[in-house]
Amino acid sequence: MTTAEKLYETLKDVEAGTSGPYPYARCEQFAPFIDEINRLKKEKNAVILAHSYVHPEIIYGVADFTGDSYKLSKDAKAADADLIIFVAVRFMAETAKALNPGKKVLIPSRLNGCSLADSITDDDVRRLKVGNPDFTFVCYINTSAAVKAECDVCVTSSNVYDIVERIPSDKIFFLPDKLMGENLQDEMKKRGVDKEIKLYDGNCYVHAEYDADRIVRLRNQYPKLQVLSHPECSRDIVQKSDVVASTSGMMDFMREDRAGDSYLLLTECGLAGRAQAEMPGKTFIGPCLECKYMKSNSLEDIRRVLVEPEAEDVVEISDQVRAGALECIDNMFKYAEAG
């Protein structure tokens, strides 16, 4: 089977967002890039990590590892390669660099920001620490390496609740995602965990745009609808959801769910694309929202950084920042695996 045929068979049911659809002729256009990238990977001993939110032709054509930020952090740590291509946004590539200082890390995106990560700087954290000296600073992984270096513990959407519960401190300053922080406050109360949790005022512009009214409308249309939302959504959405989980958690739930009739996925559109590709027998309801930063990654730019990377494609962090960020990330692994 040719590359184009394999890609078409995998993606023929994908219609989510602007990525789809994938007629055979389009898959034929992608095939030469996919073949060249896979050849270059072997030549350069490179590994490609791709977040679930990027275009499906990247995930199913060239990625060696795919998943959410926590899974990819672990994959980066274990990567047996000289070169890491991180197809996502810069803060994730910085995490890979912190975990792999001896390896070259490249990011192909031409637009590699993040509304959430860009909402806070290391100067902001230092200022907050002065005003809150008794607090343990917990940062979401969607932050720069410089911000992580100023914090005590890093968390992801899949482990934030368990880690905050396990931290031996009753004063937590959680940053930068205010919406996730509000859900964290609610979850700690639900678990009977008494901690003072202060929040910063940042958010992911994609998850912040979803509104709870959509859930009500679609439940009326589809009585068996199951609503899956990301912890970056607002608390009113989370409270109306059947499942609240990271992107990997959502995928695991849907794979194991035998009774599911239809699903509403309240996260970035790329996950709906993955679900359509991997679970063709399931029904996905409603439009989804896209991240302009994740979707700025392309096969063309992956090939470009493999052939002739530019200075802006190379991810570098200072030894001082790396040391602080690594301690913060290592604490995440320590608390995540403590249970």
Protein backbone atom coordinates (compact mmCIF):
# COMPACT_ATOMS: atom_id res chain seq x y z
CA MET A 1 0.00 0.00 0.00
CA THR A 2 1.36 3.43 -0.95
CA THR A 3 1.78 6.31 1.52
CA ALA A 4 -1.19 8.11 -0.05
CA GLU A 5 -3.37 5.01 0.23
CA LYS A 6 -2.42 4.46 3.90
CA LEU A 7 -3.12 8.09 4.75
CA TYR A 8 -6.45 8.06 2.94
CA GLU A 9 -7.58 4.87 4.71
CA THR A 10 -6.71 6.45 8.05
CA LEU A 11 -8.18 9.90 7.47
CA LYS A 12 -11.12 9.36 5.11
CA ASP A 13 -13.63 9.84 7.96
CA VAL A 14 -12.00 12.98 9.38
CA GLU A 15 -14.08 16.12 8.89
CA ALA A 16 -13.37 18.11 12.06
CA GLY A 17 -12.44 21.76 11.71
CA THR A 18 -10.41 23.14 8.84
CA SER A 19 -8.11 20.09 8.71
CA GLY A 20 -10.62 17.85 6.94
CA PRO A 21 -11.91 16.46 4.72
CA TYR A 22 -9.25 14.15 3.28
CA PRO A 23 -10.12 13.02 -0.27
CA TYR A 24 -7.60 10.73 -1.94
CA ALA A 25 -6.23 13.50 -4.17
CA ARG A 26 -5.31 15.55 -1.09
CA CYS A 27 -3.58 12.57 0.49
CA GLU A 28 -1.56 12.18 -2.71
CA GLN A 29 -0.34 15.78 -2.28
CA PHE A 30 0.83 15.07 1.27
CA ALA A 31 2.57 11.77 0.41
CA PRO A 32 5.88 13.17 -0.99
CA PHE A 33 6.39 15.33 2.11
CA ILE A 34 5.62 12.39 4.39
CA ASP A 35 8.02 10.09 2.56
CA GLU A 36 10.83 12.65 2.61
CA ILE A 37 10.33 13.54 6.28
CA ASN A 38 10.38 9.88 7.31
CA ARG A 39 13.57 9.36 5.29
CA LEU A 40 15.21 12.42 6.84
CA LYS A 41 14.25 11.24 10.34
CA LYS A 42 16.26 8.07 9.86
CA GLU A 43 19.23 9.90 8.36
CA LYS A 44 19.41 12.42 11.19
CA ASN A 45 18.35 10.10 14.05
CA ALA A 46 15.41 12.41 14.74
CA VAL A 47 12.20 11.81 16.65
CA ILE A 48 8.97 13.74 16.03
CA LEU A 49 6.64 14.53 18.93
CA ALA A 50 3.19 15.83 17.95
CA HIS A 51 0.44 17.18 20.17
CA SER A 52 -3.09 15.91 19.57
CA TYR A 53 -4.15 19.39 18.42
CA VAL A 54 -1.99 19.55 15.27
CA HIS A 55 -3.18 18.55 11.79
CA PRO A 56 -3.99 14.81 11.34
CA GLU A 57 -1.64 14.39 8.37
CA ILE A 58 1.22 15.17 10.77
CA ILE A 59 -0.02 12.85 13.50
CA TYR A 60 -0.65 9.90 11.23
CA GLY A 61 2.00 10.60 8.60
CA VAL A 62 5.23 11.40 10.44
CA ALA A 63 4.80 11.54 14.24
CA ASP A 64 6.62 8.99 16.38
CA PHE A 65 4.75 10.01 19.55
CA THR A 66 1.36 11.69 19.89
CA GLY A 67 -0.59 12.75 22.95
CA ASP A 68 -1.17 15.45 25.53
CA SER A 69 1.49 17.54 27.22
CA TYR A 70 2.13 15.06 30.05
CA LYS A 71 2.55 12.05 27.77
CA LEU A 72 4.81 14.00 25.43
CA SER A 73 6.90 15.22 28.39
CA LYS A 74 7.54 11.59 29.31
CA ASP A 75 8.21 10.67 25.67
CA ALA A 76 10.72 13.53 25.40
CA LYS A 77 12.48 12.34 28.55
CA ALA A 78 12.85 8.84 27.13
CA ALA A 79 13.63 9.86 23.54
CA ASP A 80 16.56 7.91 22.08
CA ALA A 81 17.49 10.38 19.35
CA ASP A 82 19.98 13.12 18.57
CA LEU A 83 17.32 15.50 17.31
CA ILE A 84 13.84 16.23 18.65
CA ILE A 85 11.24 17.89 16.43
CA PHE A 86 8.41 19.11 18.66
CA VAL A 87 5.29 19.78 16.62
CA ALA A 88 3.21 21.89 18.98
CA VAL A 89 4.04 25.25 20.59
CA ARG A 90 7.28 26.61 22.03
CA PHE A 91 6.65 26.06 25.75
CA MET A 92 6.29 22.31 25.10
CA ALA A 93 9.54 22.26 23.14
CA GLU A 94 11.24 24.10 26.01
CA THR A 95 10.13 21.30 28.33
CA ALA A 96 11.69 18.77 25.97
CA LYS A 97 14.92 20.81 25.93
CA ALA A 98 15.02 20.99 29.72
CA LEU A 99 14.67 17.21 29.89
CA ASN A 100 17.19 16.63 27.07
CA PRO A 101 19.91 19.29 27.31
CA GLY A 102 22.34 17.35 25.13
CA LYS A 103 19.91 17.03 22.26
CA LYS A 104 18.97 19.57 19.64
CA VAL A 105 15.30 20.57 19.84
CA LEU A 106 13.53 22.23 16.93
CA ILE A 107 10.03 23.62 16.58
CA PRO A 108 8.64 23.95 13.04
CA SER A 109 5.75 26.32 13.76
CA ARG A 110 6.04 29.82 12.33
CA LEU A 111 3.47 31.02 14.87
CA ASN A 112 4.57 29.28 18.05
CA GLY A 113 2.98 31.34 20.79
CA CYS A 114 0.19 30.39 23.20
CA SER A 115 -2.37 32.76 24.67
CA LEU A 116 -2.12 30.99 28.03
CA ALA A 117 1.67 30.66 28.27
CA ASP A 118 2.15 34.21 26.99
CA SER A 119 -0.14 35.61 29.70
CA ILE A 120 2.58 35.39 32.38
CA THR A 121 6.33 36.04 32.59
CA ASP A 122 9.03 35.07 35.07
CA ASP A 123 9.01 38.69 36.29
CA ASP A 124 5.30 38.32 37.09
CA VAL A 125 6.00 35.19 39.15
CA ARG A 126 8.83 36.81 41.08
CA ARG A 127 6.54 39.73 41.93
CA LEU A 128 3.78 37.38 43.08
CA LYS A 129 6.21 35.40 45.25
CA VAL A 130 7.25 38.55 47.09
CA GLY A 131 3.62 39.22 47.99
CA ASN A 132 2.86 35.58 48.85
CA PRO A 133 5.92 34.21 50.67
CA ASP A 134 4.08 31.34 52.40
CA PHE A 135 2.58 29.90 49.22
CA THR A 136 3.73 26.94 47.13
CA PHE A 137 3.74 28.06 43.50
CA VAL A 138 2.21 25.52 41.14
CA CYS A 139 2.33 26.21 37.42
CA TYR A 140 0.44 24.56 34.59
CA ILE A 141 2.73 22.99 32.02
CA ASN A 142 1.44 25.60 29.55
CA THR A 143 4.13 28.05 30.67
CA SER A 144 7.58 29.02 29.49
CA ALA A 145 10.70 27.39 30.93
CA ALA A 146 11.52 30.72 32.60
CA VAL A 147 8.18 30.68 34.46
CA LYS A 148 8.64 27.04 35.47
CA ALA A 149 12.07 27.93 36.85
CA GLU A 150 10.39 30.34 39.28
CA CYS A 151 7.77 27.82 40.44
CA ASP A 152 7.89 24.85 42.79
CA VAL A 153 5.85 22.22 40.96
CA CYS A 154 4.55 21.80 37.42
CA VAL A 155 1.23 20.11 36.58
CA THR A 156 -0.73 19.04 33.52
CA SER A 157 -4.45 18.72 32.89
CA SER A 158 -4.23 14.99 33.59
CA ASN A 159 -2.54 15.24 37.00
CA VAL A 160 -3.32 18.70 38.43
CA TYR A 161 -5.92 17.54 40.96
CA ASP A 162 -3.89 14.65 42.38
CA ILE A 163 -0.66 16.65 42.56
CA VAL A 164 -2.19 19.64 44.36
CA GLU A 165 -3.85 17.28 46.83
CA ARG A 166 -0.50 15.57 47.51
CA ILE A 167 1.60 18.72 47.93
CA PRO A 168 2.34 19.09 51.67
CA SER A 169 1.21 22.71 51.84
CA ASP A 170 -2.18 24.25 52.55
CA LYS A 171 -1.37 27.44 50.62
CA ILE A 172 -1.21 27.08 46.84
CA PHE A 173 -0.75 29.78 44.21
CA PHE A 174 -1.89 28.24 40.93
CA LEU A 175 -0.99 29.89 37.62
CA PRO A 176 -1.62 30.97 34.94
CA ASP A 177 -4.99 29.39 33.98
CA LYS A 178 -7.78 30.96 36.02
CA LEU A 179 -10.48 28.65 34.62
CA MET A 180 -8.51 25.52 35.42
CA GLY A 181 -7.76 27.05 38.81
CA GLU A 182 -11.46 27.52 39.55
CA ASN A 183 -12.07 23.87 38.64
CA LEU A 184 -9.16 22.95 40.90
CA GLN A 185 -10.76 24.84 43.80
CA ASP A 186 -14.06 23.03 43.20
CA GLU A 187 -12.39 19.62 42.98
CA MET A 188 -10.45 20.11 46.23
CA LYS A 189 -13.70 21.01 48.01
CA LYS A 190 -15.33 17.92 46.52
CA ARG A 191 -12.47 15.78 47.83
CA GLY A 192 -12.63 17.39 51.26
CA VAL A 193 -9.15 18.88 50.87
CA ASP A 194 -8.83 22.16 52.77
CA LYS A 195 -6.33 24.38 50.96
CA GLU A 196 -6.22 28.07 50.21
CA ILE A 197 -5.76 28.34 46.44
CA LYS A 198 -4.99 31.70 44.85
CA LEU A 199 -5.28 32.19 41.09
CA TYR A 200 -3.74 34.19 38.27
CA ASP A 201 -5.89 35.68 35.49
CA GLY A 202 -4.80 33.83 32.35
CA ASN A 203 -6.67 31.49 30.00
CA CYS A 204 -6.54 29.49 26.79
CA TYR A 205 -8.54 31.52 24.29
CA VAL A 206 -9.90 28.36 22.64
CA HIS A 207 -11.31 26.74 25.77
CA ALA A 208 -12.51 30.08 27.14
CA GLU A 209 -14.78 30.55 24.09
CA TYR A 210 -16.92 27.49 24.78
CA ASP A 211 -20.20 28.24 26.54
CA ALA A 212 -22.48 26.04 28.63
CA ASP A 213 -25.57 26.96 26.58
CA ARG A 214 -24.25 24.78 23.78
CA ILE A 215 -24.38 21.77 26.09
CA VAL A 216 -28.02 22.42 26.99
CA ARG A 217 -29.06 22.88 23.35
CA LEU A 218 -27.31 19.75 22.13
CA ARG A 219 -28.52 17.58 25.01
CA ASN A 220 -32.09 18.48 24.00
CA GLN A 221 -31.34 17.36 20.43
CA TYR A 222 -29.36 14.25 21.34
CA PRO A 223 -30.66 12.62 24.55
CA LYS A 224 -27.81 10.08 24.67
CA LEU A 225 -25.12 12.71 24.14
CA GLN A 226 -22.05 12.41 26.35
CA VAL A 227 -20.19 15.66 27.01
CA LEU A 228 -16.42 15.50 27.45
CA SER A 229 -14.65 18.69 28.47
CA HIS A 230 -11.11 19.79 29.21
CA PRO A 231 -10.21 21.29 32.63
CA GLU A 232 -9.27 24.53 30.82
CA CYS A 233 -13.00 25.13 30.19
CA SER A 234 -15.09 27.28 32.54
CA ARG A 235 -16.52 25.78 35.73
CA ASP A 236 -20.12 25.99 34.41
CA ILE A 237 -19.11 23.79 31.47
CA VAL A 238 -17.21 21.38 33.70
CA GLN A 239 -20.19 21.08 36.04
CA LYS A 240 -22.46 20.17 33.10
CA SER A 241 -20.04 17.61 31.62
CA ASP A 242 -20.17 13.84 31.91
CA VAL A 243 -16.40 13.51 31.74
CA VAL A 244 -13.68 16.06 32.55
CA ALA A 245 -10.25 14.94 31.40
CA SER A 246 -7.07 15.70 29.53
CA THR A 247 -7.03 14.96 25.82
CA SER A 248 -5.46 11.55 26.50
CA GLY A 249 -8.09 10.91 29.15
CA MET A 250 -10.88 11.76 26.71
CA MET A 251 -9.46 9.40 24.09
CA ASP A 252 -9.11 6.59 26.63
CA PHE A 253 -12.68 7.07 27.82
CA MET A 254 -14.13 6.95 24.29
CA ARG A 255 -12.09 3.89 23.33
CA GLU A 256 -13.37 1.99 26.36
CA ASP A 257 -16.96 3.27 26.19
CA ARG A 258 -19.13 0.58 24.64
CA ALA A 259 -22.49 2.24 25.32
CA GLY A 260 -21.70 5.66 23.86
CA ASP A 261 -24.03 6.89 21.13
CA SER A 262 -22.66 10.39 20.48
CA TYR A 263 -20.06 12.72 21.94
CA LEU A 264 -19.51 16.45 22.29
CA LEU A 265 -15.80 17.23 22.72
CA LEU A 266 -15.16 20.60 24.34
CA THR A 267 -11.49 21.04 23.58
CA GLU A 268 -9.38 22.00 20.58
CA CYS A 269 -10.64 20.60 17.28
CA GLY A 270 -7.62 18.40 16.69
CA LEU A 271 -8.88 15.88 19.21
CA ALA A 272 -12.11 15.45 17.28
CA GLY A 273 -10.00 14.72 14.21
CA ARG A 274 -8.05 12.06 16.06
CA ALA A 275 -11.26 10.55 17.41
CA GLN A 276 -12.83 10.43 13.94
CA ALA A 277 -9.72 8.72 12.56
CA GLU A 278 -9.36 6.16 15.35
CA MET A 279 -13.03 5.53 16.20
CA PRO A 280 -14.93 5.60 12.89
CA GLY A 281 -18.00 3.92 14.39
CA LYS A 282 -18.68 6.72 16.86
CA THR A 283 -20.63 9.95 16.29
CA PHE A 284 -19.23 13.38 17.14
CA ILE A 285 -21.67 16.24 17.51
CA GLY A 286 -21.29 19.96 17.05
CA PRO A 287 -18.56 22.23 15.67
CA CYS A 288 -15.28 22.60 17.53
CA LEU A 289 -12.82 25.45 17.96
CA GLU A 290 -9.26 25.58 16.67
CA CYS A 291 -5.98 26.90 18.09
CA LYS A 292 -4.24 29.10 15.53
CA TYR A 293 -0.88 28.31 17.13
CA MET A 294 -1.17 24.53 16.98
CA LYS A 295 -2.62 24.65 13.50
CA SER A 296 0.31 26.75 12.22
CA ASN A 297 2.43 23.57 12.14
CA SER A 298 2.70 21.95 8.71
CA LEU A 299 4.44 19.11 6.90
CA GLU A 300 6.26 21.70 4.80
CA ASP A 301 7.78 23.34 7.86
CA ILE A 302 8.71 20.00 9.45
CA ARG A 303 10.62 19.18 6.28
CA ARG A 304 12.19 22.64 6.32
CA VAL A 305 13.58 22.35 9.85
CA LEU A 306 14.95 18.89 9.07
CA VAL A 307 16.74 20.18 5.98
CA GLU A 308 17.79 23.71 6.89
CA PRO A 309 16.60 25.02 10.26
CA GLU A 310 16.73 28.73 10.96
CA ALA A 311 17.91 30.27 14.23
CA GLU A 312 14.34 30.93 15.38
CA ASP A 313 13.48 27.23 14.99
CA VAL A 314 16.11 26.15 17.53
CA VAL A 315 14.93 25.95 21.13
CA GLU A 316 17.54 27.08 23.65
CA ILE A 317 17.33 27.80 27.37
CA SER A 318 20.07 28.99 29.71
CA ASP A 319 21.68 26.62 32.22
CA GLN A 320 20.17 28.61 35.09
CA VAL A 321 16.64 28.50 33.68
CA ARG A 322 17.03 24.84 32.76
CA ALA A 323 18.07 23.91 36.30
CA GLY A 324 15.06 25.66 37.84
CA ALA A 325 12.62 24.37 35.24
CA LEU A 326 13.95 20.83 35.57
CA GLU A 327 13.45 20.85 39.34
CA CYS A 328 9.88 22.06 38.82
CA ILE A 329 9.21 19.35 36.20
CA ASP A 330 10.92 16.63 38.26
CA ASN A 331 8.65 17.54 41.17
CA MET A 332 5.69 16.96 38.86
CA PHE A 333 6.90 13.45 38.05
CA LYS A 334 7.58 12.81 41.75
CA TYR A 335 4.10 13.82 42.93
CA ALA A 336 2.32 12.32 39.89
CA GLU A 337 3.89 8.92 40.49
CA ALA A 338 3.55 9.04 44.30
CA GLY A 339 0.04 7.61 44.16
